[in-house]
Amino acid sequence: MTRIQLSFALSAPLDEQLMNRIRDVYGTYGILKIQAESDGRNLMVEYDATRFSAKDVEAALARAGLPLDQRSI
């Protein structure tokens, strides 16, 4: 397994509804960790690179309805 971490900026701060959506994404096989930064406008996602590409992770977050602003490399 190759663990990769990506940061994503959100266009809206996290609220309870978005936290529930994060929980749903966390159940995706290959997503290892999702951590909200203290400002509530950034997420760090750790994933298994043997299962996902960065675009796959971004697509999974977008499908869940998370308001992605940009990915920070």
N, C-alpha and C. Protein backbone atom coordinates (compact mmCIF):
# COMPACT_ATOMS: atom_id res chain seq x y z
N MET A 1 0.84 -1.17 0.00
CA MET A 1 0.00 0.00 0.00
C MET A 1 0.89 1.24 0.00
N THR A 2 0.53 2.19 -0.82
CA THR A 2 1.22 3.47 -0.89
C THR A 2 0.27 4.55 -0.40
N ARG A 3 0.60 5.16 0.74
CA ARG A 3 -0.26 6.19 1.33
C ARG A 3 0.14 7.56 0.78
N ILE A 4 -0.86 8.29 0.32
CA ILE A 4 -0.67 9.64 -0.20
C ILE A 4 -1.63 10.56 0.54
N GLN A 5 -1.19 11.78 0.80
CA GLN A 5 -2.05 12.79 1.42
C GLN A 5 -2.25 13.95 0.46
N LEU A 6 -3.50 14.37 0.35
CA LEU A 6 -3.86 15.54 -0.45
C LEU A 6 -4.64 16.51 0.41
N SER A 7 -4.46 17.79 0.17
CA SER A 7 -5.25 18.81 0.85
C SER A 7 -6.22 19.41 -0.14
N PHE A 8 -7.42 19.67 0.34
CA PHE A 8 -8.46 20.28 -0.48
C PHE A 8 -9.01 21.50 0.25
N ALA A 9 -9.15 22.60 -0.47
CA ALA A 9 -9.81 23.79 0.06
C ALA A 9 -11.29 23.67 -0.25
N LEU A 10 -12.11 24.09 0.68
CA LEU A 10 -13.56 24.07 0.49
C LEU A 10 -14.07 25.48 0.24
N SER A 11 -15.11 25.59 -0.57
CA SER A 11 -15.67 26.91 -0.87
C SER A 11 -16.67 27.35 0.20
N ALA A 12 -16.99 26.47 1.14
CA ALA A 12 -17.90 26.79 2.24
C ALA A 12 -17.37 26.09 3.49
N PRO A 13 -17.59 26.69 4.66
CA PRO A 13 -17.11 26.05 5.89
C PRO A 13 -17.92 24.79 6.19
N LEU A 14 -17.29 23.87 6.92
CA LEU A 14 -17.96 22.62 7.27
C LEU A 14 -19.11 22.87 8.24
N ASP A 15 -20.18 22.16 8.02
CA ASP A 15 -21.30 22.16 8.96
C ASP A 15 -21.69 20.70 9.19
N GLU A 16 -22.75 20.47 9.93
CA GLU A 16 -23.13 19.10 10.27
C GLU A 16 -23.46 18.27 9.02
N GLN A 17 -24.15 18.86 8.07
CA GLN A 17 -24.50 18.16 6.84
C GLN A 17 -23.25 17.73 6.06
N LEU A 18 -22.28 18.62 5.95
CA LEU A 18 -21.04 18.28 5.25
C LEU A 18 -20.23 17.24 6.00
N MET A 19 -20.27 17.29 7.33
CA MET A 19 -19.57 16.27 8.12
C MET A 19 -20.18 14.89 7.86
N ASN A 20 -21.51 14.82 7.70
CA ASN A 20 -22.16 13.55 7.37
C ASN A 20 -21.72 13.06 5.99
N ARG A 21 -21.54 13.97 5.05
CA ARG A 21 -21.06 13.59 3.72
C ARG A 21 -19.63 13.08 3.77
N ILE A 22 -18.81 13.70 4.61
CA ILE A 22 -17.43 13.22 4.80
C ILE A 22 -17.45 11.81 5.36
N ARG A 23 -18.33 11.56 6.32
CA ARG A 23 -18.45 10.22 6.89
C ARG A 23 -18.76 9.20 5.80
N ASP A 24 -19.63 9.55 4.88
CA ASP A 24 -19.99 8.63 3.80
C ASP A 24 -18.79 8.36 2.89
N VAL A 25 -18.00 9.37 2.58
CA VAL A 25 -16.81 9.19 1.74
C VAL A 25 -15.78 8.34 2.47
N TYR A 26 -15.67 8.53 3.77
CA TYR A 26 -14.70 7.78 4.57
C TYR A 26 -14.95 6.27 4.47
N GLY A 27 -16.19 5.88 4.20
CA GLY A 27 -16.52 4.47 4.04
C GLY A 27 -16.08 3.89 2.70
N THR A 28 -15.54 4.70 1.82
CA THR A 28 -15.08 4.25 0.52
C THR A 28 -13.78 3.47 0.67
N TYR A 29 -13.74 2.26 0.13
CA TYR A 29 -12.54 1.43 0.22
C TYR A 29 -11.37 2.13 -0.45
N GLY A 30 -10.28 2.30 0.27
CA GLY A 30 -9.10 2.97 -0.25
C GLY A 30 -8.91 4.37 0.31
N ILE A 31 -9.98 4.97 0.84
CA ILE A 31 -9.85 6.24 1.55
C ILE A 31 -9.50 5.89 2.99
N LEU A 32 -8.32 6.29 3.42
CA LEU A 32 -7.82 5.85 4.72
C LEU A 32 -8.11 6.83 5.84
N LYS A 33 -8.12 8.12 5.52
CA LYS A 33 -8.29 9.12 6.57
C LYS A 33 -8.77 10.42 5.93
N ILE A 34 -9.71 11.08 6.60
CA ILE A 34 -10.15 12.41 6.19
C ILE A 34 -10.12 13.27 7.45
N GLN A 35 -9.38 14.35 7.38
CA GLN A 35 -9.23 15.20 8.55
C GLN A 35 -9.55 16.64 8.17
N ALA A 36 -10.43 17.26 8.95
CA ALA A 36 -10.75 18.67 8.74
C ALA A 36 -9.75 19.50 9.51
N GLU A 37 -9.24 20.54 8.88
CA GLU A 37 -8.34 21.45 9.56
C GLU A 37 -9.15 22.38 10.45
N SER A 38 -8.51 23.00 11.40
CA SER A 38 -9.20 23.78 12.43
C SER A 38 -10.05 24.93 11.88
N ASP A 39 -9.70 25.45 10.72
CA ASP A 39 -10.48 26.55 10.16
C ASP A 39 -11.79 26.09 9.52
N GLY A 40 -11.96 24.77 9.35
CA GLY A 40 -13.19 24.24 8.78
C GLY A 40 -13.34 24.48 7.29
N ARG A 41 -12.30 24.97 6.66
CA ARG A 41 -12.37 25.24 5.22
C ARG A 41 -11.36 24.43 4.43
N ASN A 42 -10.68 23.51 5.09
CA ASN A 42 -9.70 22.67 4.42
C ASN A 42 -9.81 21.23 4.92
N LEU A 43 -9.60 20.30 3.99
CA LEU A 43 -9.59 18.89 4.33
C LEU A 43 -8.27 18.27 3.91
N MET A 44 -7.79 17.33 4.71
CA MET A 44 -6.66 16.51 4.34
C MET A 44 -7.19 15.10 4.16
N VAL A 45 -6.93 14.52 3.00
CA VAL A 45 -7.40 13.17 2.70
C VAL A 45 -6.18 12.29 2.48
N GLU A 46 -6.12 11.18 3.21
CA GLU A 46 -5.08 10.19 3.01
C GLU A 46 -5.73 9.00 2.31
N TYR A 47 -5.09 8.53 1.25
CA TYR A 47 -5.68 7.44 0.47
C TYR A 47 -4.61 6.46 0.01
N ASP A 48 -5.05 5.30 -0.42
CA ASP A 48 -4.18 4.25 -0.93
C ASP A 48 -3.99 4.49 -2.43
N ALA A 49 -2.78 4.87 -2.82
CA ALA A 49 -2.50 5.20 -4.22
C ALA A 49 -2.50 3.97 -5.13
N THR A 50 -2.51 2.77 -4.56
CA THR A 50 -2.63 1.58 -5.40
C THR A 50 -4.09 1.36 -5.81
N ARG A 51 -5.01 2.07 -5.18
CA ARG A 51 -6.44 1.95 -5.47
C ARG A 51 -7.03 3.17 -6.15
N PHE A 52 -6.46 4.37 -5.87
CA PHE A 52 -7.01 5.63 -6.36
C PHE A 52 -5.91 6.51 -6.93
N SER A 53 -6.30 7.37 -7.84
CA SER A 53 -5.44 8.48 -8.25
C SER A 53 -5.98 9.73 -7.55
N ALA A 54 -5.23 10.82 -7.63
CA ALA A 54 -5.69 12.07 -7.03
C ALA A 54 -7.03 12.51 -7.64
N LYS A 55 -7.18 12.30 -8.94
CA LYS A 55 -8.45 12.67 -9.60
C LYS A 55 -9.61 11.81 -9.09
N ASP A 56 -9.34 10.53 -8.80
CA ASP A 56 -10.38 9.66 -8.26
C ASP A 56 -10.85 10.14 -6.90
N VAL A 57 -9.91 10.55 -6.07
CA VAL A 57 -10.24 11.05 -4.73
C VAL A 57 -11.07 12.33 -4.86
N GLU A 58 -10.62 13.22 -5.71
CA GLU A 58 -11.35 14.47 -5.92
C GLU A 58 -12.77 14.19 -6.43
N ALA A 59 -12.91 13.24 -7.33
CA ALA A 59 -14.22 12.88 -7.87
C ALA A 59 -15.11 12.29 -6.78
N ALA A 60 -14.56 11.47 -5.90
CA ALA A 60 -15.35 10.88 -4.81
C ALA A 60 -15.86 11.97 -3.87
N LEU A 61 -15.02 12.95 -3.57
CA LEU A 61 -15.45 14.06 -2.72
C LEU A 61 -16.54 14.89 -3.40
N ALA A 62 -16.36 15.14 -4.68
CA ALA A 62 -17.36 15.93 -5.43
C ALA A 62 -18.68 15.18 -5.53
N ARG A 63 -18.63 13.86 -5.78
CA ARG A 63 -19.87 13.06 -5.85
C ARG A 63 -20.63 13.09 -4.54
N ALA A 64 -19.91 13.17 -3.44
CA ALA A 64 -20.54 13.21 -2.12
C ALA A 64 -21.16 14.58 -1.84
N GLY A 65 -20.89 15.54 -2.71
CA GLY A 65 -21.49 16.87 -2.55
C GLY A 65 -20.67 17.83 -1.72
N LEU A 66 -19.39 17.53 -1.53
CA LEU A 66 -18.54 18.46 -0.79
C LEU A 66 -18.19 19.65 -1.69
N PRO A 67 -18.27 20.86 -1.15
CA PRO A 67 -18.03 22.06 -1.95
C PRO A 67 -16.54 22.33 -2.16
N LEU A 68 -15.92 21.61 -3.08
CA LEU A 68 -14.49 21.75 -3.32
C LEU A 68 -14.21 23.05 -4.04
N ASP A 69 -13.22 23.75 -3.54
CA ASP A 69 -12.77 24.98 -4.19
C ASP A 69 -11.56 24.67 -5.05
N GLN A 70 -10.56 24.02 -4.44
CA GLN A 70 -9.36 23.65 -5.19
C GLN A 70 -8.58 22.61 -4.41
N ARG A 71 -7.75 21.89 -5.14
CA ARG A 71 -6.87 20.91 -4.51
C ARG A 71 -5.52 21.58 -4.33
N SER A 72 -4.96 21.45 -3.15
CA SER A 72 -3.62 21.98 -2.86
C SER A 72 -2.62 20.87 -2.99
N ILE A 73 -1.64 21.05 -3.85
CA ILE A 73 -0.65 19.99 -4.07
C ILE A 73 0.51 20.19 -3.12
